[in-house]
């Protein structure tokens, strides 16, 4: 269970850090310095980039083997 909690904390810190960075550079450097703009520019320059982002999202959100936690979540929805 300690690894799960560590993973949850890591994800939370990552989200806060990315958000803080994006707000900081957006305010200080304008739209062209935002994460979104940089990623869109990369997508235009390197068409493989959006494909790789799709692979990454597929990896993160693809179904995993059923667990007790997922069973409980599904049971709560009924």
PDB file of N, CA and C in Angstrom:
ATOM      1  N   UNK A   1       0.814  -1.194   0.000  1.00  0.00           N
ATOM      2  CA  UNK A   1       0.000   0.000   0.000  1.00  0.00           C
ATOM      3  C   UNK A   1       0.858   1.258   0.000  1.00  0.00           C
ATOM      4  N   UNK A   2       2.071   1.176   0.545  1.00  0.00           N
ATOM      5  CA  UNK A   2       2.918   2.379   0.580  1.00  0.00           C
ATOM      6  C   UNK A   2       3.290   2.840  -0.825  1.00  0.00           C
ATOM      7  N   UNK A   3       3.441   1.889  -1.765  1.00  0.00           N
ATOM      8  CA  UNK A   3       3.786   2.274  -3.133  1.00  0.00           C
ATOM      9  C   UNK A   3       2.614   2.977  -3.805  1.00  0.00           C
ATOM     10  N   UNK A   4       1.402   2.527  -3.513  1.00  0.00           N
ATOM     11  CA  UNK A   4       0.225   3.167  -4.096  1.00  0.00           C
ATOM     12  C   UNK A   4       0.114   4.606  -3.606  1.00  0.00           C
ATOM     13  N   UNK A   5       0.295   4.803  -2.303  1.00  0.00           N
ATOM     14  CA  UNK A   5       0.227   6.160  -1.748  1.00  0.00           C
ATOM     15  C   UNK A   5       1.337   7.032  -2.341  1.00  0.00           C
ATOM     16  N   UNK A   6       2.525   6.485  -2.482  1.00  0.00           N
ATOM     17  CA  UNK A   6       3.639   7.215  -3.086  1.00  0.00           C
ATOM     18  C   UNK A   6       3.334   7.598  -4.527  1.00  0.00           C
ATOM     19  N   UNK A   7       2.719   6.680  -5.270  1.00  0.00           N
ATOM     20  CA  UNK A   7       2.343   6.965  -6.655  1.00  0.00           C
ATOM     21  C   UNK A   7       1.311   8.081  -6.706  1.00  0.00           C
ATOM     22  N   UNK A   8       0.324   8.042  -5.807  1.00  0.00           N
ATOM     23  CA  UNK A   8      -0.705   9.080  -5.766  1.00  0.00           C
ATOM     24  C   UNK A   8      -0.087  10.442  -5.436  1.00  0.00           C
ATOM     25  N   UNK A   9       0.839  10.471  -4.506  1.00  0.00           N
ATOM     26  CA  UNK A   9       1.515  11.725  -4.147  1.00  0.00           C
ATOM     27  C   UNK A   9       2.346  12.223  -5.332  1.00  0.00           C
ATOM     28  N   UNK A  10       3.057  11.310  -5.979  1.00  0.00           N
ATOM     29  CA  UNK A  10       3.879  11.673  -7.137  1.00  0.00           C
ATOM     30  C   UNK A  10       3.026  12.300  -8.236  1.00  0.00           C
ATOM     31  N   UNK A  11       1.886  11.673  -8.554  1.00  0.00           N
ATOM     32  CA  UNK A  11       0.992  12.202  -9.590  1.00  0.00           C
ATOM     33  C   UNK A  11       0.487  13.586  -9.187  1.00  0.00           C
ATOM     34  N   UNK A  12       0.083  13.745  -7.933  1.00  0.00           N
ATOM     35  CA  UNK A  12      -0.398  15.044  -7.452  1.00  0.00           C
ATOM     36  C   UNK A  12       0.666  16.123  -7.562  1.00  0.00           C
ATOM     37  N   UNK A  13       1.885  15.809  -7.131  1.00  0.00           N
ATOM     38  CA  UNK A  13       2.988  16.772  -7.198  1.00  0.00           C
ATOM     39  C   UNK A  13       3.287  17.123  -8.657  1.00  0.00           C
ATOM     40  N   UNK A  14       3.264  16.123  -9.516  1.00  0.00           N
ATOM     41  CA  UNK A  14       3.520  16.354 -10.937  1.00  0.00           C
ATOM     42  C   UNK A  14       2.471  17.292 -11.540  1.00  0.00           C
ATOM     43  N   UNK A  15       1.214  17.065 -11.226  1.00  0.00           N
ATOM     44  CA  UNK A  15       0.137  17.919 -11.746  1.00  0.00           C
ATOM     45  C   UNK A  15       0.291  19.348 -11.247  1.00  0.00           C
ATOM     46  N   UNK A  16       0.578  19.505  -9.954  1.00  0.00           N
ATOM     47  CA  UNK A  16       0.762  20.846  -9.389  1.00  0.00           C
ATOM     48  C   UNK A  16       1.969  21.529 -10.029  1.00  0.00           C
ATOM     49  N   UNK A  17       3.070  20.799 -10.188  1.00  0.00           N
ATOM     50  CA  UNK A  17       4.284  21.380 -10.766  1.00  0.00           C
ATOM     51  C   UNK A  17       4.057  21.801 -12.218  1.00  0.00           C
ATOM     52  N   UNK A  18       3.414  20.957 -13.010  1.00  0.00           N
ATOM     53  CA  UNK A  18       3.149  21.300 -14.414  1.00  0.00           C
ATOM     54  C   UNK A  18       2.232  22.508 -14.499  1.00  0.00           C
ATOM     55  N   UNK A  19       1.185  22.520 -13.675  1.00  0.00           N
ATOM     56  CA  UNK A  19       0.256  23.654 -13.671  1.00  0.00           C
ATOM     57  C   UNK A  19       0.960  24.937 -13.263  1.00  0.00           C
ATOM     58  N   UNK A  20       1.748  24.872 -12.195  1.00  0.00           N
ATOM     59  CA  UNK A  20       2.465  26.056 -11.718  1.00  0.00           C
ATOM     60  C   UNK A  20       3.431  26.563 -12.782  1.00  0.00           C
ATOM     61  N   UNK A  21       4.168  25.652 -13.404  1.00  0.00           N
ATOM     62  CA  UNK A  21       5.117  26.057 -14.449  1.00  0.00           C
ATOM     63  C   UNK A  21       4.380  26.722 -15.606  1.00  0.00           C
ATOM     64  N   UNK A  22       3.280  26.102 -16.047  1.00  0.00           N
ATOM     65  CA  UNK A  22       2.549  26.641 -17.190  1.00  0.00           C
ATOM     66  C   UNK A  22       1.988  28.030 -16.886  1.00  0.00           C
ATOM     67  N   UNK A  23       1.449  28.228 -15.690  1.00  0.00           N
ATOM     68  CA  UNK A  23       0.927  29.546 -15.309  1.00  0.00           C
ATOM     69  C   UNK A  23       2.068  30.558 -15.251  1.00  0.00           C
ATOM     70  N   UNK A  24       3.184  30.171 -14.646  1.00  0.00           N
ATOM     71  CA  UNK A  24       4.332  31.078 -14.527  1.00  0.00           C
ATOM     72  C   UNK A  24       4.834  31.528 -15.896  1.00  0.00           C
ATOM     73  N   UNK A  25       5.074  30.557 -16.799  1.00  0.00           N
ATOM     74  CA  UNK A  25       5.623  30.938 -18.106  1.00  0.00           C
ATOM     75  C   UNK A  25       4.585  31.665 -18.954  1.00  0.00           C
ATOM     76  N   UNK A  26       3.329  31.347 -18.778  1.00  0.00           N
ATOM     77  CA  UNK A  26       2.273  32.038 -19.514  1.00  0.00           C
ATOM     78  C   UNK A  26       2.206  33.501 -19.109  1.00  0.00           C
ATOM     79  N   UNK A  27       2.281  33.767 -17.806  1.00  0.00           N
ATOM     80  CA  UNK A  27       2.236  35.146 -17.311  1.00  0.00           C
ATOM     81  C   UNK A  27       3.511  35.894 -17.682  1.00  0.00           C
ATOM     82  N   UNK A  28       4.648  35.255 -17.520  1.00  0.00           N
ATOM     83  CA  UNK A  28       5.928  35.932 -17.735  1.00  0.00           C
ATOM     84  C   UNK A  28       6.372  35.944 -19.199  1.00  0.00           C
ATOM     85  N   UNK A  29       6.081  34.855 -19.935  1.00  0.00           N
ATOM     86  CA  UNK A  29       6.613  34.745 -21.294  1.00  0.00           C
ATOM     87  C   UNK A  29       5.578  34.782 -22.388  1.00  0.00           C
ATOM     88  N   UNK A  30       4.301  34.798 -22.035  1.00  0.00           N
ATOM     89  CA  UNK A  30       3.258  34.851 -23.051  1.00  0.00           C
ATOM     90  C   UNK A  30       2.856  33.473 -23.546  1.00  0.00           C
ATOM     91  N   UNK A  31       1.896  33.475 -24.447  1.00  0.00           N
ATOM     92  CA  UNK A  31       1.308  32.241 -24.955  1.00  0.00           C
ATOM     93  C   UNK A  31       2.337  31.302 -25.575  1.00  0.00           C
ATOM     94  N   UNK A  32       3.305  31.864 -26.278  1.00  0.00           N
ATOM     95  CA  UNK A  32       4.279  31.016 -26.972  1.00  0.00           C
ATOM     96  C   UNK A  32       5.158  30.198 -26.037  1.00  0.00           C
ATOM     97  N   UNK A  33       5.183  30.536 -24.757  1.00  0.00           N
ATOM     98  CA  UNK A  33       6.006  29.765 -23.822  1.00  0.00           C
ATOM     99  C   UNK A  33       5.198  28.721 -23.060  1.00  0.00           C
ATOM    100  N   UNK A  34       3.888  28.648 -23.310  1.00  0.00           N
ATOM    101  CA  UNK A  34       3.054  27.684 -22.580  1.00  0.00           C
ATOM    102  C   UNK A  34       3.316  26.259 -23.054  1.00  0.00           C
ATOM    103  N   UNK A  35       3.027  25.322 -22.198  1.00  0.00           N
ATOM    104  CA  UNK A  35       3.200  23.912 -22.532  1.00  0.00           C
ATOM    105  C   UNK A  35       2.337  23.551 -23.738  1.00  0.00           C
ATOM    106  N   UNK A  36       1.096  24.029 -23.749  1.00  0.00           N
ATOM    107  CA  UNK A  36       0.194  23.719 -24.861  1.00  0.00           C
ATOM    108  C   UNK A  36       0.760  24.200 -26.190  1.00  0.00           C
ATOM    109  N   UNK A  37       1.260  25.421 -26.218  1.00  0.00           N
ATOM    110  CA  UNK A  37       1.790  25.967 -27.469  1.00  0.00           C
ATOM    111  C   UNK A  37       3.014  25.186 -27.932  1.00  0.00           C
ATOM    112  N   UNK A  38       3.889  24.873 -27.005  1.00  0.00           N
ATOM    113  CA  UNK A  38       5.100  24.118 -27.365  1.00  0.00           C
ATOM    114  C   UNK A  38       4.724  22.748 -27.920  1.00  0.00           C
ATOM    115  N   UNK A  39       3.758  22.090 -27.280  1.00  0.00           N
ATOM    116  CA  UNK A  39       3.354  20.767 -27.743  1.00  0.00           C
ATOM    117  C   UNK A  39       2.654  20.836 -29.108  1.00  0.00           C
ATOM    118  N   UNK A  40       1.865  21.872 -29.335  1.00  0.00           N
ATOM    119  CA  UNK A  40       1.224  22.037 -30.642  1.00  0.00           C
ATOM    120  C   UNK A  40       2.282  22.286 -31.719  1.00  0.00           C
ATOM    121  N   UNK A  41       3.286  23.120 -31.412  1.00  0.00           N
ATOM    122  CA  UNK A  41       4.370  23.370 -32.369  1.00  0.00           C
ATOM    123  C   UNK A  41       5.129  22.084 -32.662  1.00  0.00           C
ATOM    124  N   UNK A  42       5.393  21.284 -31.631  1.00  0.00           N
ATOM    125  CA  UNK A  42       6.064  19.996 -31.847  1.00  0.00           C
ATOM    126  C   UNK A  42       5.219  19.096 -32.742  1.00  0.00           C
ATOM    127  N   UNK A  43       3.897  19.120 -32.547  1.00  0.00           N
ATOM    128  CA  UNK A  43       3.002  18.289 -33.357  1.00  0.00           C
ATOM    129  C   UNK A  43       3.081  18.687 -34.827  1.00  0.00           C
ATOM    130  N   UNK A  44       3.179  19.984 -35.104  1.00  0.00           N
ATOM    131  CA  UNK A  44       3.324  20.439 -36.489  1.00  0.00           C
ATOM    132  C   UNK A  44       4.680  20.029 -37.059  1.00  0.00           C
ATOM    133  N   UNK A  45       5.730  20.176 -36.262  1.00  0.00           N
ATOM    134  CA  UNK A  45       7.080  19.864 -36.733  1.00  0.00           C
ATOM    135  C   UNK A  45       7.335  18.365 -36.838  1.00  0.00           C
ATOM    136  N   UNK A  46       6.841  17.636 -35.862  1.00  0.00           N
ATOM    137  CA  UNK A  46       7.113  16.194 -35.758  1.00  0.00           C
ATOM    138  C   UNK A  46       5.784  15.444 -35.657  1.00  0.00           C
ATOM    139  N   UNK A  47       5.205  15.039 -36.771  1.00  0.00           N
ATOM    140  CA  UNK A  47       3.894  14.372 -36.735  1.00  0.00           C
ATOM    141  C   UNK A  47       3.862  13.112 -35.869  1.00  0.00           C
ATOM    142  N   UNK A  48       4.998  12.537 -35.591  1.00  0.00           N
ATOM    143  CA  UNK A  48       5.038  11.358 -34.726  1.00  0.00           C
ATOM    144  C   UNK A  48       4.693  11.725 -33.283  1.00  0.00           C
ATOM    145  N   UNK A  49       4.876  12.991 -32.916  1.00  0.00           N
ATOM    146  CA  UNK A  49       4.656  13.423 -31.528  1.00  0.00           C
ATOM    147  C   UNK A  49       3.223  13.169 -31.059  1.00  0.00           C
ATOM    148  N   UNK A  50       2.175  13.600 -31.803  1.00  0.00           N
ATOM    149  CA  UNK A  50       0.818  13.310 -31.323  1.00  0.00           C
ATOM    150  C   UNK A  50       0.538  11.805 -31.262  1.00  0.00           C
ATOM    151  N   UNK A  51       1.128  11.049 -32.178  1.00  0.00           N
ATOM    152  CA  UNK A  51       0.977   9.602 -32.133  1.00  0.00           C
ATOM    153  C   UNK A  51       1.568   9.039 -30.837  1.00  0.00           C
ATOM    154  N   UNK A  52       2.768   9.512 -30.489  1.00  0.00           N
ATOM    155  CA  UNK A  52       3.407   9.051 -29.255  1.00  0.00           C
ATOM    156  C   UNK A  52       2.618   9.467 -28.015  1.00  0.00           C
ATOM    157  N   UNK A  53       1.998  10.651 -28.062  1.00  0.00           N
ATOM    158  CA  UNK A  53       1.140  11.083 -26.948  1.00  0.00           C
ATOM    159  C   UNK A  53      -0.073  10.150 -26.826  1.00  0.00           C
ATOM    160  N   UNK A  54      -0.594   9.707 -27.978  1.00  0.00           N
ATOM    161  CA  UNK A  54      -1.698   8.743 -27.972  1.00  0.00           C
ATOM    162  C   UNK A  54      -1.277   7.408 -27.386  1.00  0.00           C
ATOM    163  N   UNK A  55      -0.074   6.963 -27.732  1.00  0.00           N
ATOM    164  CA  UNK A  55       0.461   5.723 -27.168  1.00  0.00           C
ATOM    165  C   UNK A  55       0.600   5.873 -25.655  1.00  0.00           C
ATOM    166  N   UNK A  56       1.118   7.007 -25.210  1.00  0.00           N
ATOM    167  CA  UNK A  56       1.279   7.251 -23.776  1.00  0.00           C
ATOM    168  C   UNK A  56      -0.074   7.230 -23.063  1.00  0.00           C
ATOM    169  N   UNK A  57      -1.061   7.925 -23.626  1.00  0.00           N
ATOM    170  CA  UNK A  57      -2.399   7.939 -23.009  1.00  0.00           C
ATOM    171  C   UNK A  57      -3.011   6.543 -23.022  1.00  0.00           C
ATOM    172  N   UNK A  58      -2.814   5.813 -24.109  1.00  0.00           N
ATOM    173  CA  UNK A  58      -3.294   4.437 -24.161  1.00  0.00           C
ATOM    174  C   UNK A  58      -2.654   3.589 -23.084  1.00  0.00           C
ATOM    175  N   UNK A  59      -1.366   3.778 -22.871  1.00  0.00           N
ATOM    176  CA  UNK A  59      -0.655   3.039 -21.826  1.00  0.00           C
ATOM    177  C   UNK A  59      -1.221   3.368 -20.444  1.00  0.00           C
ATOM    178  N   UNK A  60      -1.500   4.639 -20.203  1.00  0.00           N
ATOM    179  CA  UNK A  60      -1.969   5.053 -18.885  1.00  0.00           C
ATOM    180  C   UNK A  60      -3.423   4.668 -18.616  1.00  0.00           C
ATOM    181  N   UNK A  61      -4.264   4.645 -19.648  1.00  0.00           N
ATOM    182  CA  UNK A  61      -5.693   4.448 -19.435  1.00  0.00           C
ATOM    183  C   UNK A  61      -6.248   3.121 -19.941  1.00  0.00           C
ATOM    184  N   UNK A  62      -5.415   2.285 -20.553  1.00  0.00           N
ATOM    185  CA  UNK A  62      -5.892   1.002 -21.044  1.00  0.00           C
ATOM    186  C   UNK A  62      -6.290   0.124 -19.874  1.00  0.00           C
ATOM    187  N   UNK A  63      -7.228  -0.766 -20.084  1.00  0.00           N
ATOM    188  CA  UNK A  63      -7.696  -1.647 -19.017  1.00  0.00           C
ATOM    189  C   UNK A  63      -6.566  -2.483 -18.441  1.00  0.00           C
ATOM    190  N   UNK A  64      -6.617  -2.629 -17.140  1.00  0.00           N
ATOM    191  CA  UNK A  64      -5.688  -3.498 -16.432  1.00  0.00           C
ATOM    192  C   UNK A  64      -6.477  -4.694 -15.911  1.00  0.00           C
ATOM    193  N   UNK A  65      -5.792  -5.714 -15.424  1.00  0.00           N
ATOM    194  CA  UNK A  65      -6.537  -6.820 -14.818  1.00  0.00           C
ATOM    195  C   UNK A  65      -7.417  -6.286 -13.681  1.00  0.00           C
ATOM    196  N   UNK A  66      -8.586  -6.904 -13.532  1.00  0.00           N
ATOM    197  CA  UNK A  66      -9.532  -6.468 -12.513  1.00  0.00           C
ATOM    198  C   UNK A  66      -8.904  -6.601 -11.125  1.00  0.00           C
ATOM    199  N   UNK A  67      -9.108  -5.586 -10.278  1.00  0.00           N
ATOM    200  CA  UNK A  67      -8.611  -5.607  -8.911  1.00  0.00           C
ATOM    201  C   UNK A  67      -9.790  -5.443  -7.959  1.00  0.00           C
ATOM    202  N   UNK A  68      -9.556  -5.668  -6.686  1.00  0.00           N
ATOM    203  CA  UNK A  68     -10.613  -5.491  -5.680  1.00  0.00           C
ATOM    204  C   UNK A  68     -11.106  -4.048  -5.672  1.00  0.00           C
ATOM    205  N   UNK A  69     -10.185  -3.085  -5.836  1.00  0.00           N
ATOM    206  CA  UNK A  69     -10.569  -1.671  -5.830  1.00  0.00           C
ATOM    207  C   UNK A  69     -11.485  -1.353  -7.010  1.00  0.00           C
ATOM    208  N   UNK A  70     -11.152  -1.875  -8.199  1.00  0.00           N
ATOM    209  CA  UNK A  70     -11.992  -1.643  -9.366  1.00  0.00           C
ATOM    210  C   UNK A  70     -13.349  -2.323  -9.206  1.00  0.00           C
ATOM    211  N   UNK A  71     -13.369  -3.526  -8.609  1.00  0.00           N
ATOM    212  CA  UNK A  71     -14.639  -4.199  -8.330  1.00  0.00           C
ATOM    213  C   UNK A  71     -15.517  -3.340  -7.437  1.00  0.00           C
ATOM    214  N   UNK A  72     -14.921  -2.749  -6.411  1.00  0.00           N
ATOM    215  CA  UNK A  72     -15.670  -1.911  -5.478  1.00  0.00           C
ATOM    216  C   UNK A  72     -16.216  -0.668  -6.178  1.00  0.00           C
ATOM    217  N   UNK A  73     -15.409  -0.034  -7.006  1.00  0.00           N
ATOM    218  CA  UNK A  73     -15.853   1.162  -7.728  1.00  0.00           C
ATOM    219  C   UNK A  73     -17.027   0.809  -8.641  1.00  0.00           C
ATOM    220  N   UNK A  74     -16.919  -0.302  -9.359  1.00  0.00           N
ATOM    221  CA  UNK A  74     -18.006  -0.720 -10.245  1.00  0.00           C
ATOM    222  C   UNK A  74     -19.251  -1.076  -9.456  1.00  0.00           C
ATOM    223  N   UNK A  75     -19.079  -1.706  -8.301  1.00  0.00           N
ATOM    224  CA  UNK A  75     -20.207  -2.052  -7.454  1.00  0.00           C
ATOM    225  C   UNK A  75     -20.920  -0.827  -6.908  1.00  0.00           C
ATOM    226  N   UNK A  76     -20.158   0.213  -6.599  1.00  0.00           N
ATOM    227  CA  UNK A  76     -20.738   1.458  -6.068  1.00  0.00           C
ATOM    228  C   UNK A  76     -21.566   2.190  -7.125  1.00  0.00           C
ATOM    229  N   UNK A  77     -21.277   1.960  -8.383  1.00  0.00           N
ATOM    230  CA  UNK A  77     -21.980   2.659  -9.470  1.00  0.00           C
ATOM    231  C   UNK A  77     -23.340   2.043  -9.783  1.00  0.00           C
ATOM    232  N   UNK A  78     -23.566   0.825  -9.324  1.00  0.00           N
ATOM    233  CA  UNK A  78     -24.829   0.141  -9.652  1.00  0.00           C
ATOM    234  C   UNK A  78     -25.946   0.597  -8.752  1.00  0.00           C
TER     235      UNK A  78
END
